[in-house]
């Protein structure tokens, strides 16, 4: 049985008001680009491994066209097509937002 009072769990007011430490080197766009490149290369390596491990041919039909591709290449082409479609939709949206912002700034 100790007669010491229980410590107060609340932080001291000075500790709560202290600003967070500033990093020595700020995050830059170049650092973000470098990280994105590294991630892209890692994904590319995984895709290349996938393509080399799936060499079996698959038959494709679209309207009157018939062709045959290795399965890994077909999936890669589908992913690239999906990425291009995403870029196209994103570009259209950015253009739409810039036009709206330009009209709004012209009214002022």
PDB file of N, CA and C in Angstrom:
ATOM      1  N   UNK A   1       0.822  -1.169   0.000  1.00  0.00           N
ATOM      2  CA  UNK A   1       0.000   0.000   0.000  1.00  0.00           C
ATOM      3  C   UNK A   1       0.868   1.235   0.000  1.00  0.00           C
ATOM      4  N   UNK A   2       0.913   1.875  -1.086  1.00  0.00           N
ATOM      5  CA  UNK A   2       1.729   3.063  -1.228  1.00  0.00           C
ATOM      6  C   UNK A   2       0.878   4.297  -1.022  1.00  0.00           C
ATOM      7  N   UNK A   3       1.462   5.316  -0.467  1.00  0.00           N
ATOM      8  CA  UNK A   3       0.722   6.554  -0.250  1.00  0.00           C
ATOM      9  C   UNK A   3       0.983   7.561  -1.354  1.00  0.00           C
ATOM     10  N   UNK A   4       1.755   7.162  -2.411  1.00  0.00           N
ATOM     11  CA  UNK A   4       2.020   8.069  -3.523  1.00  0.00           C
ATOM     12  C   UNK A   4       0.742   8.257  -4.337  1.00  0.00           C
ATOM     13  N   UNK A   5       0.457   9.509  -4.736  1.00  0.00           N
ATOM     14  CA  UNK A   5      -0.738   9.726  -5.567  1.00  0.00           C
ATOM     15  C   UNK A   5      -0.507   9.184  -6.980  1.00  0.00           C
ATOM     16  N   UNK A   6      -1.581   8.809  -7.642  1.00  0.00           N
ATOM     17  CA  UNK A   6      -1.496   8.288  -9.008  1.00  0.00           C
ATOM     18  C   UNK A   6      -1.061   9.409  -9.948  1.00  0.00           C
ATOM     19  N   UNK A   7      -0.203   9.107 -10.938  1.00  0.00           N
ATOM     20  CA  UNK A   7       0.237  10.158 -11.863  1.00  0.00           C
ATOM     21  C   UNK A   7      -0.933  10.646 -12.718  1.00  0.00           C
ATOM     22  N   UNK A   8      -0.885  11.924 -13.049  1.00  0.00           N
ATOM     23  CA  UNK A   8      -1.936  12.540 -13.857  1.00  0.00           C
ATOM     24  C   UNK A   8      -1.761  12.100 -15.308  1.00  0.00           C
ATOM     25  N   UNK A   9      -2.764  11.431 -15.930  1.00  0.00           N
ATOM     26  CA  UNK A   9      -2.604  10.940 -17.302  1.00  0.00           C
ATOM     27  C   UNK A   9      -2.684  12.039 -18.351  1.00  0.00           C
ATOM     28  N   UNK A  10      -3.139  13.232 -17.986  1.00  0.00           N
ATOM     29  CA  UNK A  10      -3.252  14.322 -18.963  1.00  0.00           C
ATOM     30  C   UNK A  10      -1.873  14.896 -19.295  1.00  0.00           C
ATOM     31  N   UNK A  11      -1.636  15.252 -20.572  1.00  0.00           N
ATOM     32  CA  UNK A  11      -0.325  15.832 -20.912  1.00  0.00           C
ATOM     33  C   UNK A  11      -0.208  17.245 -20.364  1.00  0.00           C
ATOM     34  N   UNK A  12       1.018  17.647 -20.182  1.00  0.00           N
ATOM     35  CA  UNK A  12       1.252  19.005 -19.707  1.00  0.00           C
ATOM     36  C   UNK A  12       0.834  19.990 -20.790  1.00  0.00           C
ATOM     37  N   UNK A  13       0.370  21.182 -20.431  1.00  0.00           N
ATOM     38  CA  UNK A  13      -0.063  22.147 -21.446  1.00  0.00           C
ATOM     39  C   UNK A  13       1.057  22.545 -22.398  1.00  0.00           C
ATOM     40  N   UNK A  14       2.286  22.621 -21.952  1.00  0.00           N
ATOM     41  CA  UNK A  14       3.395  23.008 -22.821  1.00  0.00           C
ATOM     42  C   UNK A  14       3.667  21.941 -23.874  1.00  0.00           C
ATOM     43  N   UNK A  15       3.515  20.657 -23.523  1.00  0.00           N
ATOM     44  CA  UNK A  15       3.776  19.575 -24.457  1.00  0.00           C
ATOM     45  C   UNK A  15       2.716  19.541 -25.558  1.00  0.00           C
ATOM     46  N   UNK A  16       1.467  19.861 -25.231  1.00  0.00           N
ATOM     47  CA  UNK A  16       0.390  19.828 -26.227  1.00  0.00           C
ATOM     48  C   UNK A  16       0.512  21.010 -27.189  1.00  0.00           C
ATOM     49  N   UNK A  17       1.041  22.133 -26.743  1.00  0.00           N
ATOM     50  CA  UNK A  17       1.122  23.332 -27.574  1.00  0.00           C
ATOM     51  C   UNK A  17       2.399  23.379 -28.415  1.00  0.00           C
ATOM     52  N   UNK A  18       3.314  22.467 -28.202  1.00  0.00           N
ATOM     53  CA  UNK A  18       4.583  22.493 -28.938  1.00  0.00           C
ATOM     54  C   UNK A  18       4.337  22.117 -30.397  1.00  0.00           C
ATOM     55  N   UNK A  19       4.936  22.864 -31.344  1.00  0.00           N
ATOM     56  CA  UNK A  19       4.749  22.530 -32.757  1.00  0.00           C
ATOM     57  C   UNK A  19       5.481  21.239 -33.108  1.00  0.00           C
ATOM     58  N   UNK A  20       4.980  20.526 -34.127  1.00  0.00           N
ATOM     59  CA  UNK A  20       5.674  19.299 -34.524  1.00  0.00           C
ATOM     60  C   UNK A  20       7.047  19.625 -35.089  1.00  0.00           C
ATOM     61  N   UNK A  21       7.980  18.699 -34.971  1.00  0.00           N
ATOM     62  CA  UNK A  21       9.335  18.971 -35.483  1.00  0.00           C
ATOM     63  C   UNK A  21       9.316  19.111 -37.006  1.00  0.00           C
ATOM     64  N   UNK A  22      10.107  20.034 -37.499  1.00  0.00           N
ATOM     65  CA  UNK A  22      10.214  20.275 -38.934  1.00  0.00           C
ATOM     66  C   UNK A  22      11.263  19.326 -39.504  1.00  0.00           C
ATOM     67  N   UNK A  23      10.926  18.598 -40.595  1.00  0.00           N
ATOM     68  CA  UNK A  23      11.933  17.693 -41.164  1.00  0.00           C
ATOM     69  C   UNK A  23      13.118  18.486 -41.712  1.00  0.00           C
ATOM     70  N   UNK A  24      14.274  17.851 -41.669  1.00  0.00           N
ATOM     71  CA  UNK A  24      15.499  18.512 -42.132  1.00  0.00           C
ATOM     72  C   UNK A  24      15.426  18.812 -43.632  1.00  0.00           C
ATOM     73  N   UNK A  25      14.896  17.874 -44.425  1.00  0.00           N
ATOM     74  CA  UNK A  25      14.767  18.063 -45.866  1.00  0.00           C
ATOM     75  C   UNK A  25      13.290  17.941 -46.212  1.00  0.00           C
ATOM     76  N   UNK A  26      12.692  18.979 -46.796  1.00  0.00           N
ATOM     77  CA  UNK A  26      11.267  18.904 -47.115  1.00  0.00           C
ATOM     78  C   UNK A  26      10.998  17.930 -48.262  1.00  0.00           C
ATOM     79  N   UNK A  27       9.772  17.441 -48.313  1.00  0.00           N
ATOM     80  CA  UNK A  27       9.351  16.540 -49.380  1.00  0.00           C
ATOM     81  C   UNK A  27       9.214  17.354 -50.660  1.00  0.00           C
ATOM     82  N   UNK A  28       9.818  16.887 -51.734  1.00  0.00           N
ATOM     83  CA  UNK A  28       9.786  17.619 -53.001  1.00  0.00           C
ATOM     84  C   UNK A  28       9.099  16.800 -54.078  1.00  0.00           C
ATOM     85  N   UNK A  29       8.793  17.449 -55.176  1.00  0.00           N
ATOM     86  CA  UNK A  29       8.198  16.754 -56.311  1.00  0.00           C
ATOM     87  C   UNK A  29       9.172  15.737 -56.903  1.00  0.00           C
ATOM     88  N   UNK A  30      10.440  16.078 -56.889  1.00  0.00           N
ATOM     89  CA  UNK A  30      11.455  15.155 -57.412  1.00  0.00           C
ATOM     90  C   UNK A  30      11.491  13.873 -56.578  1.00  0.00           C
ATOM     91  N   UNK A  31      11.336  14.004 -55.264  1.00  0.00           N
ATOM     92  CA  UNK A  31      11.308  12.819 -54.403  1.00  0.00           C
ATOM     93  C   UNK A  31      10.076  11.974 -54.704  1.00  0.00           C
ATOM     94  N   UNK A  32       8.947  12.623 -54.940  1.00  0.00           N
ATOM     95  CA  UNK A  32       7.732  11.893 -55.301  1.00  0.00           C
ATOM     96  C   UNK A  32       7.874  11.195 -56.636  1.00  0.00           C
ATOM     97  N   UNK A  33       8.519  11.873 -57.585  1.00  0.00           N
ATOM     98  CA  UNK A  33       8.745  11.274 -58.901  1.00  0.00           C
ATOM     99  C   UNK A  33       9.666  10.069 -58.781  1.00  0.00           C
ATOM    100  N   UNK A  34      10.693  10.197 -57.984  1.00  0.00           N
ATOM    101  CA  UNK A  34      11.643   9.098 -57.796  1.00  0.00           C
ATOM    102  C   UNK A  34      10.938   7.890 -57.168  1.00  0.00           C
ATOM    103  N   UNK A  35      10.116   8.139 -56.171  1.00  0.00           N
ATOM    104  CA  UNK A  35       9.370   7.046 -55.537  1.00  0.00           C
ATOM    105  C   UNK A  35       8.418   6.396 -56.533  1.00  0.00           C
ATOM    106  N   UNK A  36       7.772   7.197 -57.362  1.00  0.00           N
ATOM    107  CA  UNK A  36       6.854   6.654 -58.365  1.00  0.00           C
ATOM    108  C   UNK A  36       7.595   5.821 -59.404  1.00  0.00           C
ATOM    109  N   UNK A  37       8.771   6.272 -59.802  1.00  0.00           N
ATOM    110  CA  UNK A  37       9.563   5.499 -60.758  1.00  0.00           C
ATOM    111  C   UNK A  37       9.977   4.152 -60.194  1.00  0.00           C
ATOM    112  N   UNK A  38      10.394   4.134 -58.951  1.00  0.00           N
ATOM    113  CA  UNK A  38      10.793   2.880 -58.317  1.00  0.00           C
ATOM    114  C   UNK A  38       9.593   1.936 -58.247  1.00  0.00           C
ATOM    115  N   UNK A  39       8.439   2.445 -57.837  1.00  0.00           N
ATOM    116  CA  UNK A  39       7.235   1.616 -57.772  1.00  0.00           C
ATOM    117  C   UNK A  39       6.844   1.114 -59.164  1.00  0.00           C
ATOM    118  N   UNK A  40       6.958   1.970 -60.168  1.00  0.00           N
ATOM    119  CA  UNK A  40       6.646   1.568 -61.533  1.00  0.00           C
ATOM    120  C   UNK A  40       7.563   0.468 -62.035  1.00  0.00           C
ATOM    121  N   UNK A  41       8.840   0.571 -61.740  1.00  0.00           N
ATOM    122  CA  UNK A  41       9.780  -0.474 -62.156  1.00  0.00           C
ATOM    123  C   UNK A  41       9.510  -1.803 -61.434  1.00  0.00           C
ATOM    124  N   UNK A  42       9.130  -1.736 -60.169  1.00  0.00           N
ATOM    125  CA  UNK A  42       8.791  -2.964 -59.449  1.00  0.00           C
ATOM    126  C   UNK A  42       7.559  -3.624 -60.058  1.00  0.00           C
ATOM    127  N   UNK A  43       6.563  -2.827 -60.417  1.00  0.00           N
ATOM    128  CA  UNK A  43       5.369  -3.372 -61.071  1.00  0.00           C
ATOM    129  C   UNK A  43       5.734  -3.943 -62.434  1.00  0.00           C
ATOM    130  N   UNK A  44       6.608  -3.272 -63.160  1.00  0.00           N
ATOM    131  CA  UNK A  44       7.052  -3.770 -64.464  1.00  0.00           C
ATOM    132  C   UNK A  44       7.759  -5.121 -64.335  1.00  0.00           C
ATOM    133  N   UNK A  45       8.588  -5.274 -63.330  1.00  0.00           N
ATOM    134  CA  UNK A  45       9.277  -6.544 -63.106  1.00  0.00           C
ATOM    135  C   UNK A  45       8.271  -7.656 -62.826  1.00  0.00           C
ATOM    136  N   UNK A  46       7.267  -7.357 -61.992  1.00  0.00           N
ATOM    137  CA  UNK A  46       6.232  -8.347 -61.694  1.00  0.00           C
ATOM    138  C   UNK A  46       5.466  -8.713 -62.970  1.00  0.00           C
ATOM    139  N   UNK A  47       5.141  -7.713 -63.800  1.00  0.00           N
ATOM    140  CA  UNK A  47       4.433  -7.985 -65.057  1.00  0.00           C
ATOM    141  C   UNK A  47       5.277  -8.829 -66.006  1.00  0.00           C
ATOM    142  N   UNK A  48       6.556  -8.543 -66.100  1.00  0.00           N
ATOM    143  CA  UNK A  48       7.423  -9.338 -66.966  1.00  0.00           C
ATOM    144  C   UNK A  48       7.510 -10.790 -66.493  1.00  0.00           C
ATOM    145  N   UNK A  49       7.577 -10.979 -65.191  1.00  0.00           N
ATOM    146  CA  UNK A  49       7.577 -12.345 -64.654  1.00  0.00           C
ATOM    147  C   UNK A  49       6.265 -13.037 -64.992  1.00  0.00           C
ATOM    148  N   UNK A  50       5.161 -12.318 -64.851  1.00  0.00           N
ATOM    149  CA  UNK A  50       3.853 -12.890 -65.177  1.00  0.00           C
ATOM    150  C   UNK A  50       3.774 -13.282 -66.651  1.00  0.00           C
ATOM    151  N   UNK A  51       4.254 -12.418 -67.530  1.00  0.00           N
ATOM    152  CA  UNK A  51       4.202 -12.692 -68.971  1.00  0.00           C
ATOM    153  C   UNK A  51       5.052 -13.907 -69.325  1.00  0.00           C
ATOM    154  N   UNK A  52       6.239 -14.000 -68.747  1.00  0.00           N
ATOM    155  CA  UNK A  52       7.110 -15.135 -69.077  1.00  0.00           C
ATOM    156  C   UNK A  52       6.585 -16.449 -68.509  1.00  0.00           C
ATOM    157  N   UNK A  53       5.800 -16.384 -67.440  1.00  0.00           N
ATOM    158  CA  UNK A  53       5.264 -17.612 -66.859  1.00  0.00           C
ATOM    159  C   UNK A  53       3.937 -18.032 -67.491  1.00  0.00           C
ATOM    160  N   UNK A  54       3.345 -17.194 -68.354  1.00  0.00           N
ATOM    161  CA  UNK A  54       2.082 -17.519 -69.009  1.00  0.00           C
ATOM    162  C   UNK A  54       2.237 -17.438 -70.522  1.00  0.00           C
ATOM    163  N   UNK A  55       3.033 -18.326 -71.109  1.00  0.00           N
ATOM    164  CA  UNK A  55       3.255 -18.254 -72.557  1.00  0.00           C
ATOM    165  C   UNK A  55       2.166 -18.953 -73.379  1.00  0.00           C
ATOM    166  N   UNK A  56       1.228 -19.622 -72.730  1.00  0.00           N
ATOM    167  CA  UNK A  56       0.209 -20.342 -73.493  1.00  0.00           C
ATOM    168  C   UNK A  56      -0.637 -19.356 -74.298  1.00  0.00           C
ATOM    169  N   UNK A  57      -0.977 -19.771 -75.501  1.00  0.00           N
ATOM    170  CA  UNK A  57      -1.681 -18.904 -76.429  1.00  0.00           C
ATOM    171  C   UNK A  57      -3.180 -18.936 -76.154  1.00  0.00           C
ATOM    172  N   UNK A  58      -3.817 -17.782 -76.334  1.00  0.00           N
ATOM    173  CA  UNK A  58      -5.266 -17.670 -76.170  1.00  0.00           C
ATOM    174  C   UNK A  58      -5.849 -17.085 -77.454  1.00  0.00           C
ATOM    175  N   UNK A  59      -6.998 -17.599 -77.852  1.00  0.00           N
ATOM    176  CA  UNK A  59      -7.666 -17.106 -79.059  1.00  0.00           C
ATOM    177  C   UNK A  59      -8.643 -15.995 -78.688  1.00  0.00           C
ATOM    178  N   UNK A  60      -8.653 -14.944 -79.506  1.00  0.00           N
ATOM    179  CA  UNK A  60      -9.528 -13.795 -79.272  1.00  0.00           C
ATOM    180  C   UNK A  60     -10.345 -13.519 -80.513  1.00  0.00           C
ATOM    181  N   UNK A  61     -11.575 -13.016 -80.291  1.00  0.00           N
ATOM    182  CA  UNK A  61     -12.456 -12.636 -81.387  1.00  0.00           C
ATOM    183  C   UNK A  61     -13.097 -11.304 -81.047  1.00  0.00           C
ATOM    184  N   UNK A  62     -13.119 -10.412 -82.026  1.00  0.00           N
ATOM    185  CA  UNK A  62     -13.808  -9.135 -81.869  1.00  0.00           C
ATOM    186  C   UNK A  62     -14.450  -8.806 -83.203  1.00  0.00           C
ATOM    187  N   UNK A  63     -15.758  -8.791 -83.224  1.00  0.00           N
ATOM    188  CA  UNK A  63     -16.541  -8.608 -84.445  1.00  0.00           C
ATOM    189  C   UNK A  63     -16.100  -9.641 -85.479  1.00  0.00           C
ATOM    190  N   UNK A  64     -15.462  -9.219 -86.540  1.00  0.00           N
ATOM    191  CA  UNK A  64     -15.046 -10.188 -87.563  1.00  0.00           C
ATOM    192  C   UNK A  64     -13.568 -10.540 -87.472  1.00  0.00           C
ATOM    193  N   UNK A  65     -12.860  -9.966 -86.521  1.00  0.00           N
ATOM    194  CA  UNK A  65     -11.435 -10.225 -86.384  1.00  0.00           C
ATOM    195  C   UNK A  65     -11.208 -11.428 -85.479  1.00  0.00           C
ATOM    196  N   UNK A  66     -10.221 -12.238 -85.825  1.00  0.00           N
ATOM    197  CA  UNK A  66      -9.817 -13.399 -85.025  1.00  0.00           C
ATOM    198  C   UNK A  66      -8.292 -13.374 -84.934  1.00  0.00           C
ATOM    199  N   UNK A  67      -7.771 -13.498 -83.739  1.00  0.00           N
ATOM    200  CA  UNK A  67      -6.323 -13.542 -83.578  1.00  0.00           C
ATOM    201  C   UNK A  67      -5.958 -14.339 -82.337  1.00  0.00           C
ATOM    202  N   UNK A  68      -4.672 -14.619 -82.210  1.00  0.00           N
ATOM    203  CA  UNK A  68      -4.157 -15.411 -81.108  1.00  0.00           C
ATOM    204  C   UNK A  68      -2.967 -14.675 -80.492  1.00  0.00           C
ATOM    205  N   UNK A  69      -2.947 -14.597 -79.162  1.00  0.00           N
ATOM    206  CA  UNK A  69      -1.857 -13.943 -78.421  1.00  0.00           C
ATOM    207  C   UNK A  69      -1.491 -14.787 -77.208  1.00  0.00           C
ATOM    208  N   UNK A  70      -0.258 -14.663 -76.733  1.00  0.00           N
ATOM    209  CA  UNK A  70       0.060 -15.270 -75.435  1.00  0.00           C
ATOM    210  C   UNK A  70      -0.800 -14.613 -74.348  1.00  0.00           C
ATOM    211  N   UNK A  71      -1.234 -15.381 -73.391  1.00  0.00           N
ATOM    212  CA  UNK A  71      -2.150 -14.896 -72.365  1.00  0.00           C
ATOM    213  C   UNK A  71      -1.578 -13.719 -71.579  1.00  0.00           C
ATOM    214  N   UNK A  72      -0.304 -13.787 -71.219  1.00  0.00           N
ATOM    215  CA  UNK A  72       0.317 -12.690 -70.472  1.00  0.00           C
ATOM    216  C   UNK A  72       0.320 -11.393 -71.253  1.00  0.00           C
ATOM    217  N   UNK A  73       0.596 -11.470 -72.555  1.00  0.00           N
ATOM    218  CA  UNK A  73       0.612 -10.276 -73.406  1.00  0.00           C
ATOM    219  C   UNK A  73      -0.798  -9.710 -73.534  1.00  0.00           C
ATOM    220  N   UNK A  74      -1.798 -10.593 -73.660  1.00  0.00           N
ATOM    221  CA  UNK A  74      -3.179 -10.135 -73.776  1.00  0.00           C
ATOM    222  C   UNK A  74      -3.621  -9.388 -72.520  1.00  0.00           C
ATOM    223  N   UNK A  75      -3.254  -9.906 -71.359  1.00  0.00           N
ATOM    224  CA  UNK A  75      -3.627  -9.235 -70.111  1.00  0.00           C
ATOM    225  C   UNK A  75      -2.868  -7.920 -69.970  1.00  0.00           C
ATOM    226  N   UNK A  76      -1.618  -7.894 -70.384  1.00  0.00           N
ATOM    227  CA  UNK A  76      -0.850  -6.648 -70.359  1.00  0.00           C
ATOM    228  C   UNK A  76      -1.479  -5.604 -71.274  1.00  0.00           C
ATOM    229  N   UNK A  77      -1.876  -6.000 -72.464  1.00  0.00           N
ATOM    230  CA  UNK A  77      -2.527  -5.059 -73.392  1.00  0.00           C
ATOM    231  C   UNK A  77      -3.854  -4.558 -72.827  1.00  0.00           C
ATOM    232  N   UNK A  78      -4.599  -5.425 -72.161  1.00  0.00           N
ATOM    233  CA  UNK A  78      -5.853  -4.996 -71.536  1.00  0.00           C
ATOM    234  C   UNK A  78      -5.586  -3.982 -70.419  1.00  0.00           C
ATOM    235  N   UNK A  79      -4.538  -4.206 -69.644  1.00  0.00           N
ATOM    236  CA  UNK A  79      -4.197  -3.262 -68.572  1.00  0.00           C
ATOM    237  C   UNK A  79      -3.756  -1.921 -69.144  1.00  0.00           C
ATOM    238  N   UNK A  80      -2.959  -1.949 -70.217  1.00  0.00           N
ATOM    239  CA  UNK A  80      -2.517  -0.704 -70.853  1.00  0.00           C
ATOM    240  C   UNK A  80      -3.717   0.036 -71.434  1.00  0.00           C
ATOM    241  N   UNK A  81      -4.631  -0.696 -72.063  1.00  0.00           N
ATOM    242  CA  UNK A  81      -5.844  -0.073 -72.600  1.00  0.00           C
ATOM    243  C   UNK A  81      -6.682   0.562 -71.504  1.00  0.00           C
ATOM    244  N   UNK A  82      -6.811  -0.123 -70.371  1.00  0.00           N
ATOM    245  CA  UNK A  82      -7.547   0.440 -69.234  1.00  0.00           C
ATOM    246  C   UNK A  82      -6.872   1.679 -68.677  1.00  0.00           C
ATOM    247  N   UNK A  83      -5.550   1.649 -68.617  1.00  0.00           N
ATOM    248  CA  UNK A  83      -4.814   2.827 -68.144  1.00  0.00           C
ATOM    249  C   UNK A  83      -4.981   4.010 -69.081  1.00  0.00           C
ATOM    250  N   UNK A  84      -4.917   3.753 -70.388  1.00  0.00           N
ATOM    251  CA  UNK A  84      -5.113   4.842 -71.356  1.00  0.00           C
ATOM    252  C   UNK A  84      -6.518   5.411 -71.279  1.00  0.00           C
ATOM    253  N   UNK A  85      -7.506   4.563 -71.079  1.00  0.00           N
ATOM    254  CA  UNK A  85      -8.882   5.035 -70.930  1.00  0.00           C
ATOM    255  C   UNK A  85      -9.019   5.899 -69.675  1.00  0.00           C
ATOM    256  N   UNK A  86      -8.370   5.501 -68.591  1.00  0.00           N
ATOM    257  CA  UNK A  86      -8.380   6.289 -67.360  1.00  0.00           C
ATOM    258  C   UNK A  86      -7.732   7.649 -67.572  1.00  0.00           C
ATOM    259  N   UNK A  87      -6.609   7.678 -68.288  1.00  0.00           N
ATOM    260  CA  UNK A  87      -5.935   8.942 -68.580  1.00  0.00           C
ATOM    261  C   UNK A  87      -6.832   9.841 -69.434  1.00  0.00           C
ATOM    262  N   UNK A  88      -7.507   9.262 -70.411  1.00  0.00           N
ATOM    263  CA  UNK A  88      -8.393  10.037 -71.277  1.00  0.00           C
ATOM    264  C   UNK A  88      -9.537  10.662 -70.485  1.00  0.00           C
ATOM    265  N   UNK A  89     -10.165   9.889 -69.616  1.00  0.00           N
ATOM    266  CA  UNK A  89     -11.265  10.414 -68.797  1.00  0.00           C
ATOM    267  C   UNK A  89     -10.746  11.469 -67.819  1.00  0.00           C
ATOM    268  N   UNK A  90      -9.592  11.224 -67.208  1.00  0.00           N
ATOM    269  CA  UNK A  90      -9.011  12.205 -66.285  1.00  0.00           C
ATOM    270  C   UNK A  90      -8.644  13.500 -66.980  1.00  0.00           C
ATOM    271  N   UNK A  91      -8.112  13.395 -68.203  1.00  0.00           N
ATOM    272  CA  UNK A  91      -7.763  14.598 -68.967  1.00  0.00           C
ATOM    273  C   UNK A  91      -9.009  15.399 -69.304  1.00  0.00           C
ATOM    274  N   UNK A  92     -10.077  14.714 -69.691  1.00  0.00           N
ATOM    275  CA  UNK A  92     -11.330  15.413 -69.990  1.00  0.00           C
ATOM    276  C   UNK A  92     -11.856  16.130 -68.747  1.00  0.00           C
ATOM    277  N   UNK A  93     -11.765  15.496 -67.590  1.00  0.00           N
ATOM    278  CA  UNK A  93     -12.243  16.113 -66.352  1.00  0.00           C
ATOM    279  C   UNK A  93     -11.384  17.316 -65.966  1.00  0.00           C
ATOM    280  N   UNK A  94     -10.091  17.215 -66.114  1.00  0.00           N
ATOM    281  CA  UNK A  94      -9.212  18.349 -65.806  1.00  0.00           C
ATOM    282  C   UNK A  94      -9.514  19.511 -66.734  1.00  0.00           C
ATOM    283  N   UNK A  95      -9.710  19.221 -68.014  1.00  0.00           N
ATOM    284  CA  UNK A  95     -10.052  20.272 -68.983  1.00  0.00           C
ATOM    285  C   UNK A  95     -11.375  20.931 -68.591  1.00  0.00           C
ATOM    286  N   UNK A  96     -12.346  20.124 -68.179  1.00  0.00           N
ATOM    287  CA  UNK A  96     -13.641  20.649 -67.776  1.00  0.00           C
ATOM    288  C   UNK A  96     -13.511  21.549 -66.545  1.00  0.00           C
ATOM    289  N   UNK A  97     -12.733  21.145 -65.566  1.00  0.00           N
ATOM    290  CA  UNK A  97     -12.548  21.952 -64.362  1.00  0.00           C
ATOM    291  C   UNK A  97     -11.796  23.243 -64.655  1.00  0.00           C
ATOM    292  N   UNK A  98     -10.791  23.190 -65.523  1.00  0.00           N
ATOM    293  CA  UNK A  98     -10.051  24.409 -65.875  1.00  0.00           C
ATOM    294  C   UNK A  98     -10.943  25.402 -66.603  1.00  0.00           C
ATOM    295  N   UNK A  99     -11.795  24.887 -67.488  1.00  0.00           N
ATOM    296  CA  UNK A  99     -12.728  25.765 -68.196  1.00  0.00           C
ATOM    297  C   UNK A  99     -13.698  26.433 -67.242  1.00  0.00           C
ATOM    298  N   UNK A 100     -14.208  25.669 -66.269  1.00  0.00           N
ATOM    299  CA  UNK A 100     -15.127  26.223 -65.277  1.00  0.00           C
ATOM    300  C   UNK A 100     -14.427  27.264 -64.428  1.00  0.00           C
ATOM    301  N   UNK A 101     -13.183  27.020 -64.042  1.00  0.00           N
ATOM    302  CA  UNK A 101     -12.431  27.979 -63.236  1.00  0.00           C
ATOM    303  C   UNK A 101     -12.142  29.245 -64.031  1.00  0.00           C
ATOM    304  N   UNK A 102     -11.853  29.077 -65.318  1.00  0.00           N
ATOM    305  CA  UNK A 102     -11.581  30.247 -66.169  1.00  0.00           C
ATOM    306  C   UNK A 102     -12.837  31.113 -66.311  1.00  0.00           C
ATOM    307  N   UNK A 103     -13.997  30.457 -66.484  1.00  0.00           N
ATOM    308  CA  UNK A 103     -15.258  31.220 -66.589  1.00  0.00           C
ATOM    309  C   UNK A 103     -15.571  31.932 -65.280  1.00  0.00           C
ATOM    310  N   UNK A 104     -15.300  31.266 -64.167  1.00  0.00           N
ATOM    311  CA  UNK A 104     -15.570  31.864 -62.862  1.00  0.00           C
ATOM    312  C   UNK A 104     -14.665  33.066 -62.618  1.00  0.00           C
ATOM    313  N   UNK A 105     -13.404  32.968 -62.997  1.00  0.00           N
ATOM    314  CA  UNK A 105     -12.478  34.094 -62.791  1.00  0.00           C
ATOM    315  C   UNK A 105     -12.791  35.234 -63.760  1.00  0.00           C
ATOM    316  N   UNK A 106     -13.350  34.947 -64.932  1.00  0.00           N
ATOM    317  CA  UNK A 106     -13.715  35.994 -65.896  1.00  0.00           C
ATOM    318  C   UNK A 106     -14.928  36.790 -65.389  1.00  0.00           C
ATOM    319  N   UNK A 107     -15.805  36.171 -64.621  1.00  0.00           N
ATOM    320  CA  UNK A 107     -16.975  36.858 -64.077  1.00  0.00           C
ATOM    321  C   UNK A 107     -16.596  37.849 -62.997  1.00  0.00           C
ATOM    322  N   UNK A 108     -15.504  37.627 -62.345  1.00  0.00           N
ATOM    323  CA  UNK A 108     -15.101  38.514 -61.225  1.00  0.00           C
ATOM    324  C   UNK A 108     -14.450  39.728 -61.716  1.00  0.00           C
TER     325      UNK A 108
END
